[in-house]
Protein backbone atom coordinates (compact mmCIF):
# COMPACT_ATOMS: atom_id res chain seq x y z
CA MET A 1 87.86 80.95 104.52
CA GLU A 2 86.13 83.09 107.07
CA VAL A 3 83.65 85.74 106.03
CA LYS A 4 84.75 89.17 107.21
CA LYS A 5 82.25 91.86 108.11
CA GLY A 6 82.45 95.19 106.37
CA TYR A 7 81.30 96.93 103.22
CA THR A 8 81.95 95.01 100.03
CA ALA A 9 82.21 95.53 96.29
CA LYS A 10 82.98 93.00 93.56
CA ALA A 11 83.97 93.17 89.92
CA LYS A 12 83.79 89.97 87.91
CA PHE A 13 85.07 88.90 84.51
CA LEU A 14 87.77 91.56 84.20
CA LEU A 15 89.91 90.88 81.13
CA VAL A 16 93.29 90.96 82.83
CA SER A 17 95.32 88.08 84.19
CA PRO A 18 95.22 87.54 87.99
CA SER A 19 99.01 87.24 88.06
CA LYS A 20 99.26 90.81 86.74
CA ILE A 21 96.85 92.25 89.33
CA ARG A 22 98.07 90.43 92.46
CA PRO A 23 101.33 92.41 92.92
CA ILE A 24 99.32 95.65 92.84
CA ALA A 25 96.82 94.24 95.34
CA ASP A 26 99.64 93.18 97.66
CA THR A 27 100.94 96.76 97.88
CA ILE A 28 97.63 98.22 99.10
CA ARG A 29 96.22 95.40 101.23
CA LEU A 30 95.42 96.46 104.87
CA LYS A 31 96.21 100.14 104.18
CA PRO A 32 94.00 103.17 104.83
CA TYR A 33 91.65 104.06 101.98
CA THR A 34 93.20 107.44 101.19
CA GLU A 35 96.74 106.03 101.08
CA ALA A 36 95.63 103.13 98.87
CA MET A 37 93.90 105.50 96.44
CA ALA A 38 97.07 107.62 96.20
CA ILE A 39 99.14 104.51 95.42
CA LEU A 40 96.67 103.33 92.77
CA GLU A 41 96.50 106.73 91.10
CA SER A 42 100.27 106.85 90.72
CA THR A 43 100.62 103.26 89.44
CA PRO A 44 100.71 103.15 85.61
CA LYS A 45 99.20 99.69 85.14
CA LYS A 46 95.83 98.56 83.81
CA GLY A 47 95.12 96.52 86.94
CA ALA A 48 95.58 99.57 89.16
CA GLY A 49 92.72 101.35 87.41
CA LEU A 50 90.46 98.30 87.74
CA ILE A 51 91.20 97.85 91.45
CA LYS A 52 90.70 101.59 91.98
CA LYS A 53 87.16 101.40 90.57
CA VAL A 54 86.21 98.50 92.84
CA LEU A 55 87.77 100.21 95.87
CA GLN A 56 85.84 103.42 95.16
CA SER A 57 82.64 101.41 94.91
CA ALA A 58 83.26 99.69 98.27
CA ALA A 59 83.97 103.07 99.91
CA ALA A 60 80.79 104.52 98.41
CA ASN A 61 78.84 101.55 99.77
CA ALA A 62 80.30 102.18 103.23
CA VAL A 63 79.48 105.88 103.20
CA TYR A 64 75.99 105.29 101.80
CA GLN A 65 75.04 102.52 104.23
CA ASN A 66 76.45 104.29 107.30
CA ASN A 67 76.05 108.07 107.20
CA LYS A 68 78.44 108.57 110.13
CA LEU A 69 81.43 107.24 108.17
CA ASP A 70 83.73 109.31 106.00
CA GLU A 71 86.40 108.10 103.58
CA GLU A 72 89.30 109.04 105.88
CA SER A 73 88.11 106.53 108.51
CA LEU A 74 88.15 103.52 106.14
CA PHE A 75 90.82 100.89 105.53
CA ILE A 76 91.04 97.88 103.23
CA LYS A 77 90.11 94.90 105.35
CA GLN A 78 90.19 92.26 102.62
CA LEU A 79 91.25 92.33 98.97
CA LEU A 80 90.91 89.14 96.94
CA ILE A 81 91.99 88.51 93.37
CA ASP A 82 90.45 85.27 92.10
CA GLU A 83 90.79 83.60 88.74
CA GLY A 84 87.80 83.74 86.42
CA PRO A 85 87.09 81.70 83.31
CA ARG A 86 89.50 81.59 80.41
CA LEU A 87 88.64 82.54 76.85
CA LYS A 88 90.23 80.10 74.43
CA ARG A 89 91.31 81.50 71.09
CA VAL A 90 92.95 79.71 68.15
CA TRP A 91 96.33 80.97 67.00
CA PRO A 92 97.32 79.69 63.54
CA ARG A 93 100.80 78.21 63.19
CA ALA A 94 102.86 76.79 60.36
CA ARG A 95 101.81 73.74 58.30
CA GLY A 96 98.16 73.91 59.29
CA ARG A 97 98.77 73.56 63.00
CA ARG A 98 97.38 75.74 65.75
CA ASP A 99 98.07 76.90 69.28
CA ILE A 100 95.54 77.79 71.93
CA LEU A 101 95.76 81.34 73.24
CA LEU A 102 94.26 81.68 76.73
CA LYS A 103 92.82 85.05 77.64
CA ARG A 104 92.58 84.97 81.41
CA MET A 105 89.97 86.79 83.50
CA SER A 106 89.92 87.97 87.09
CA HIS A 107 87.36 88.47 89.83
CA VAL A 108 88.20 91.29 92.28
CA SER A 109 86.45 91.63 95.64
CA VAL A 110 87.16 94.34 98.22
CA VAL A 111 85.99 94.68 101.82
CA VAL A 112 86.48 98.01 103.60
CA ASP A 113 85.74 98.79 107.24
CA GLU A 114 86.35 101.45 109.88
CA ILE A 115 89.87 101.87 111.22
CA GLY A 116 88.57 101.19 114.75
CA ASN A 117 87.58 97.64 113.69
CA MET A 118 91.07 96.56 112.55
CA GLY A 119 91.49 93.86 115.19
CA GLU A 120 88.30 91.99 114.38
């Protein structure tokens, strides 16, 4: 996988399954920052709030590192949802048996860049 230039933010070990976050990420990938924030604010899912925090952090990194940028000139260049470790919990069953309950975690990484750099 190629490394893309831009301003990044990461959140690791989020206690939500990657399969629940990926559909939300697919709706905002490669969109302008302001439009993506509006979509995330109106989405009533836990994953939307988590992605929103990471996206705000990446935008703040971009504005802080480059004083000439403003939030309206940013777009989401890359948005990755990776699988983290799994917490294994025991779930008691009948006759002394047990099942394993897997609590899945996610790693979210966001790269934002200027709209003028979309082709790179």
